[in-house]
Amino acid sequence: MAKLMSDETKLQLARELGVEHIVRREGWGGVSSRNCGNLVRLAIQKAEQAMAQKR
């Protein structure tokens, strides 16, 4: 299966949401479901913004 996001991109999103310390300490399994949803929402928002800028 192909990666949709690089590990660095995911870590950057985690940093923006203030959960990077959890990822570094416990791995992605330690991030709550709510925060995972917030990470996905932020990733989609950034992708939409990038697409809009290309137009």
PDB file of N, CA and C in Angstrom:
ATOM      1  N   MET A   1       0.838  -1.178   0.000  1.00  0.00           N
ATOM      2  CA  MET A   1       0.000   0.000   0.000  1.00  0.00           C
ATOM      3  C   MET A   1       0.888   1.248   0.000  1.00  0.00           C
ATOM      4  N   ALA A   2       0.567   2.193  -0.828  1.00  0.00           N
ATOM      5  CA  ALA A   2       1.349   3.421  -0.944  1.00  0.00           C
ATOM      6  C   ALA A   2       1.037   4.356   0.220  1.00  0.00           C
ATOM      7  N   LYS A   3       2.056   5.081   0.653  1.00  0.00           N
ATOM      8  CA  LYS A   3       1.859   6.076   1.713  1.00  0.00           C
ATOM      9  C   LYS A   3       1.188   7.309   1.130  1.00  0.00           C
ATOM     10  N   LEU A   4       0.223   7.818   1.837  1.00  0.00           N
ATOM     11  CA  LEU A   4      -0.453   9.031   1.403  1.00  0.00           C
ATOM     12  C   LEU A   4       0.238  10.277   1.945  1.00  0.00           C
ATOM     13  N   MET A   5       0.855  10.131   3.115  1.00  0.00           N
ATOM     14  CA  MET A   5       1.560  11.241   3.751  1.00  0.00           C
ATOM     15  C   MET A   5       2.893  10.749   4.273  1.00  0.00           C
ATOM     16  N   SER A   6       3.888  11.577   4.171  1.00  0.00           N
ATOM     17  CA  SER A   6       5.191  11.213   4.719  1.00  0.00           C
ATOM     18  C   SER A   6       5.127  11.261   6.245  1.00  0.00           C
ATOM     19  N   ASP A   7       6.045  10.546   6.868  1.00  0.00           N
ATOM     20  CA  ASP A   7       6.112  10.567   8.324  1.00  0.00           C
ATOM     21  C   ASP A   7       6.393  11.977   8.832  1.00  0.00           C
ATOM     22  N   GLU A   8       7.221  12.725   8.099  1.00  0.00           N
ATOM     23  CA  GLU A   8       7.534  14.094   8.493  1.00  0.00           C
ATOM     24  C   GLU A   8       6.292  14.980   8.435  1.00  0.00           C
ATOM     25  N   THR A   9       5.453  14.792   7.414  1.00  0.00           N
ATOM     26  CA  THR A   9       4.215  15.573   7.314  1.00  0.00           C
ATOM     27  C   THR A   9       3.287  15.256   8.474  1.00  0.00           C
ATOM     28  N   LYS A  10       3.161  13.980   8.800  1.00  0.00           N
ATOM     29  CA  LYS A  10       2.304  13.595   9.929  1.00  0.00           C
ATOM     30  C   LYS A  10       2.822  14.187  11.236  1.00  0.00           C
ATOM     31  N   LEU A  11       4.135  14.166  11.408  1.00  0.00           N
ATOM     32  CA  LEU A  11       4.721  14.713  12.627  1.00  0.00           C
ATOM     33  C   LEU A  11       4.526  16.228  12.695  1.00  0.00           C
ATOM     34  N   GLN A  12       4.609  16.888  11.552  1.00  0.00           N
ATOM     35  CA  GLN A  12       4.374  18.334  11.501  1.00  0.00           C
ATOM     36  C   GLN A  12       2.931  18.654  11.901  1.00  0.00           C
ATOM     37  N   LEU A  13       1.981  17.866  11.411  1.00  0.00           N
ATOM     38  CA  LEU A  13       0.577  18.068  11.790  1.00  0.00           C
ATOM     39  C   LEU A  13       0.389  17.837  13.286  1.00  0.00           C
ATOM     40  N   ALA A  14       1.027  16.801  13.807  1.00  0.00           N
ATOM     41  CA  ALA A  14       0.950  16.516  15.239  1.00  0.00           C
ATOM     42  C   ALA A  14       1.523  17.678  16.044  1.00  0.00           C
ATOM     43  N   ARG A  15       2.600  18.271  15.554  1.00  0.00           N
ATOM     44  CA  ARG A  15       3.222  19.416  16.218  1.00  0.00           C
ATOM     45  C   ARG A  15       2.244  20.590  16.250  1.00  0.00           C
ATOM     46  N   GLU A  16       1.576  20.835  15.127  1.00  0.00           N
ATOM     47  CA  GLU A  16       0.626  21.949  15.046  1.00  0.00           C
ATOM     48  C   GLU A  16      -0.539  21.758  16.011  1.00  0.00           C
ATOM     49  N   LEU A  17      -0.927  20.509  16.233  1.00  0.00           N
ATOM     50  CA  LEU A  17      -2.062  20.248  17.123  1.00  0.00           C
ATOM     51  C   LEU A  17      -1.637  20.050  18.577  1.00  0.00           C
ATOM     52  N   GLY A  18      -0.331  20.089  18.824  1.00  0.00           N
ATOM     53  CA  GLY A  18       0.150  19.969  20.193  1.00  0.00           C
ATOM     54  C   GLY A  18       0.188  18.554  20.727  1.00  0.00           C
ATOM     55  N   VAL A  19       0.252  17.553  19.851  1.00  0.00           N
ATOM     56  CA  VAL A  19       0.308  16.163  20.315  1.00  0.00           C
ATOM     57  C   VAL A  19       1.612  15.463  19.912  1.00  0.00           C
ATOM     58  N   GLU A  20       2.578  16.233  19.431  1.00  0.00           N
ATOM     59  CA  GLU A  20       3.848  15.643  19.003  1.00  0.00           C
ATOM     60  C   GLU A  20       4.526  14.902  20.154  1.00  0.00           C
ATOM     61  N   HIS A  21       4.456  15.457  21.356  1.00  0.00           N
ATOM     62  CA  HIS A  21       5.097  14.807  22.503  1.00  0.00           C
ATOM     63  C   HIS A  21       4.509  13.419  22.761  1.00  0.00           C
ATOM     64  N   ILE A  22       3.221  13.263  22.522  1.00  0.00           N
ATOM     65  CA  ILE A  22       2.582  11.958  22.702  1.00  0.00           C
ATOM     66  C   ILE A  22       3.093  10.974  21.656  1.00  0.00           C
ATOM     67  N   VAL A  23       3.182  11.426  20.417  1.00  0.00           N
ATOM     68  CA  VAL A  23       3.664  10.574  19.331  1.00  0.00           C
ATOM     69  C   VAL A  23       5.090  10.127  19.612  1.00  0.00           C
ATOM     70  N   ARG A  24       5.924  11.038  20.044  1.00  0.00           N
ATOM     71  CA  ARG A  24       7.325  10.708  20.314  1.00  0.00           C
ATOM     72  C   ARG A  24       7.464   9.777  21.514  1.00  0.00           C
ATOM     73  N   ARG A  25       6.618   9.956  22.519  1.00  0.00           N
ATOM     74  CA  ARG A  25       6.705   9.150  23.741  1.00  0.00           C
ATOM     75  C   ARG A  25       6.038   7.781  23.587  1.00  0.00           C
ATOM     76  N   GLU A  26       4.841   7.754  22.970  1.00  0.00           N
ATOM     77  CA  GLU A  26       4.042   6.529  22.936  1.00  0.00           C
ATOM     78  C   GLU A  26       3.803   5.977  21.546  1.00  0.00           C
ATOM     79  N   GLY A  27       4.171   6.730  20.529  1.00  0.00           N
ATOM     80  CA  GLY A  27       3.855   6.325  19.165  1.00  0.00           C
ATOM     81  C   GLY A  27       2.448   6.777  18.809  1.00  0.00           C
ATOM     82  N   TRP A  28       2.041   6.486  17.569  1.00  0.00           N
ATOM     83  CA  TRP A  28       0.738   6.945  17.096  1.00  0.00           C
ATOM     84  C   TRP A  28      -0.405   6.276  17.845  1.00  0.00           C
ATOM     85  N   GLY A  29      -0.172   5.092  18.409  1.00  0.00           N
ATOM     86  CA  GLY A  29      -1.212   4.402  19.167  1.00  0.00           C
ATOM     87  C   GLY A  29      -1.605   5.127  20.438  1.00  0.00           C
ATOM     88  N   GLY A  30      -0.763   6.021  20.913  1.00  0.00           N
ATOM     89  CA  GLY A  30      -1.055   6.771  22.122  1.00  0.00           C
ATOM     90  C   GLY A  30      -1.898   8.007  21.887  1.00  0.00           C
ATOM     91  N   VAL A  31      -2.100   8.365  20.632  1.00  0.00           N
ATOM     92  CA  VAL A  31      -2.893   9.552  20.302  1.00  0.00           C
ATOM     93  C   VAL A  31      -4.374   9.188  20.359  1.00  0.00           C
ATOM     94  N   SER A  32      -5.148  10.009  21.031  1.00  0.00           N
ATOM     95  CA  SER A  32      -6.575   9.722  21.186  1.00  0.00           C
ATOM     96  C   SER A  32      -7.294   9.740  19.838  1.00  0.00           C
ATOM     97  N   SER A  33      -8.426   9.064  19.793  1.00  0.00           N
ATOM     98  CA  SER A  33      -9.233   9.035  18.577  1.00  0.00           C
ATOM     99  C   SER A  33      -9.650  10.435  18.158  1.00  0.00           C
ATOM    100  N   ARG A  34      -9.983  11.259  19.118  1.00  0.00           N
ATOM    101  CA  ARG A  34     -10.389  12.634  18.828  1.00  0.00           C
ATOM    102  C   ARG A  34      -9.242  13.390  18.157  1.00  0.00           C
ATOM    103  N   ASN A  35      -8.039  13.254  18.699  1.00  0.00           N
ATOM    104  CA  ASN A  35      -6.900  13.947  18.113  1.00  0.00           C
ATOM    105  C   ASN A  35      -6.523  13.367  16.756  1.00  0.00           C
ATOM    106  N   CYS A  36      -6.706  12.069  16.567  1.00  0.00           N
ATOM    107  CA  CYS A  36      -6.468  11.484  15.241  1.00  0.00           C
ATOM    108  C   CYS A  36      -7.437  12.085  14.231  1.00  0.00           C
ATOM    109  N   GLY A  37      -8.675  12.239  14.630  1.00  0.00           N
ATOM    110  CA  GLY A  37      -9.664  12.878  13.757  1.00  0.00           C
ATOM    111  C   GLY A  37      -9.275  14.307  13.445  1.00  0.00           C
ATOM    112  N   ASN A  38      -8.771  15.018  14.458  1.00  0.00           N
ATOM    113  CA  ASN A  38      -8.316  16.391  14.239  1.00  0.00           C
ATOM    114  C   ASN A  38      -7.130  16.435  13.286  1.00  0.00           C
ATOM    115  N   LEU A  39      -6.238  15.445  13.378  1.00  0.00           N
ATOM    116  CA  LEU A  39      -5.099  15.367  12.462  1.00  0.00           C
ATOM    117  C   LEU A  39      -5.575  15.172  11.027  1.00  0.00           C
ATOM    118  N   VAL A  40      -6.541  14.286  10.836  1.00  0.00           N
ATOM    119  CA  VAL A  40      -7.082  14.036   9.501  1.00  0.00           C
ATOM    120  C   VAL A  40      -7.759  15.300   8.968  1.00  0.00           C
ATOM    121  N   ARG A  41      -8.537  15.949   9.811  1.00  0.00           N
ATOM    122  CA  ARG A  41      -9.231  17.171   9.409  1.00  0.00           C
ATOM    123  C   ARG A  41      -8.231  18.253   8.990  1.00  0.00           C
ATOM    124  N   LEU A  42      -7.153  18.402   9.753  1.00  0.00           N
ATOM    125  CA  LEU A  42      -6.135  19.390   9.425  1.00  0.00           C
ATOM    126  C   LEU A  42      -5.422  19.031   8.120  1.00  0.00           C
ATOM    127  N   ALA A  43      -5.142  17.749   7.911  1.00  0.00           N
ATOM    128  CA  ALA A  43      -4.488  17.304   6.675  1.00  0.00           C
ATOM    129  C   ALA A  43      -5.372  17.609   5.464  1.00  0.00           C
ATOM    130  N   ILE A  44      -6.661  17.348   5.584  1.00  0.00           N
ATOM    131  CA  ILE A  44      -7.594  17.630   4.484  1.00  0.00           C
ATOM    132  C   ILE A  44      -7.656  19.129   4.216  1.00  0.00           C
ATOM    133  N   GLN A  45      -7.724  19.917   5.275  1.00  0.00           N
ATOM    134  CA  GLN A  45      -7.778  21.374   5.131  1.00  0.00           C
ATOM    135  C   GLN A  45      -6.531  21.885   4.399  1.00  0.00           C
ATOM    136  N   LYS A  46      -5.362  21.388   4.771  1.00  0.00           N
ATOM    137  CA  LYS A  46      -4.122  21.824   4.129  1.00  0.00           C
ATOM    138  C   LYS A  46      -4.068  21.381   2.667  1.00  0.00           C
ATOM    139  N   ALA A  47      -4.558  20.178   2.380  1.00  0.00           N
ATOM    140  CA  ALA A  47      -4.583  19.689   1.005  1.00  0.00           C
ATOM    141  C   ALA A  47      -5.509  20.537   0.143  1.00  0.00           C
ATOM    142  N   GLU A  48      -6.667  20.901   0.702  1.00  0.00           N
ATOM    143  CA  GLU A  48      -7.605  21.745  -0.027  1.00  0.00           C
ATOM    144  C   GLU A  48      -7.021  23.124  -0.300  1.00  0.00           C
ATOM    145  N   GLN A  49      -6.311  23.672   0.688  1.00  0.00           N
ATOM    146  CA  GLN A  49      -5.673  24.973   0.506  1.00  0.00           C
ATOM    147  C   GLN A  49      -4.602  24.906  -0.573  1.00  0.00           C
ATOM    148  N   ALA A  50      -3.817  23.834  -0.573  1.00  0.00           N
ATOM    149  CA  ALA A  50      -2.765  23.677  -1.576  1.00  0.00           C
ATOM    150  C   ALA A  50      -3.363  23.550  -2.979  1.00  0.00           C
ATOM    151  N   MET A  51      -4.472  22.835  -3.091  1.00  0.00           N
ATOM    152  CA  MET A  51      -5.124  22.687  -4.389  1.00  0.00           C
ATOM    153  C   MET A  51      -5.683  24.025  -4.868  1.00  0.00           C
ATOM    154  N   ALA A  52      -6.243  24.801  -3.944  1.00  0.00           N
ATOM    155  CA  ALA A  52      -6.822  26.094  -4.310  1.00  0.00           C
ATOM    156  C   ALA A  52      -5.738  27.058  -4.788  1.00  0.00           C
ATOM    157  N   GLN A  53      -4.558  26.966  -4.210  1.00  0.00           N
ATOM    158  CA  GLN A  53      -3.451  27.856  -4.593  1.00  0.00           C
ATOM    159  C   GLN A  53      -2.926  27.510  -5.995  1.00  0.00           C
ATOM    160  N   LYS A  54      -3.074  26.274  -6.401  1.00  0.00           N
ATOM    161  CA  LYS A  54      -2.590  25.851  -7.705  1.00  0.00           C
ATOM    162  C   LYS A  54      -3.491  26.313  -8.843  1.00  0.00           C
ATOM    163  N   ARG A  55      -4.708  26.682  -8.523  1.00  0.00           N
ATOM    164  CA  ARG A  55      -5.680  27.111  -9.547  1.00  0.00           C
ATOM    165  C   ARG A  55      -5.392  28.469 -10.056  1.00  0.00           C
TER     166      ARG A  55
END
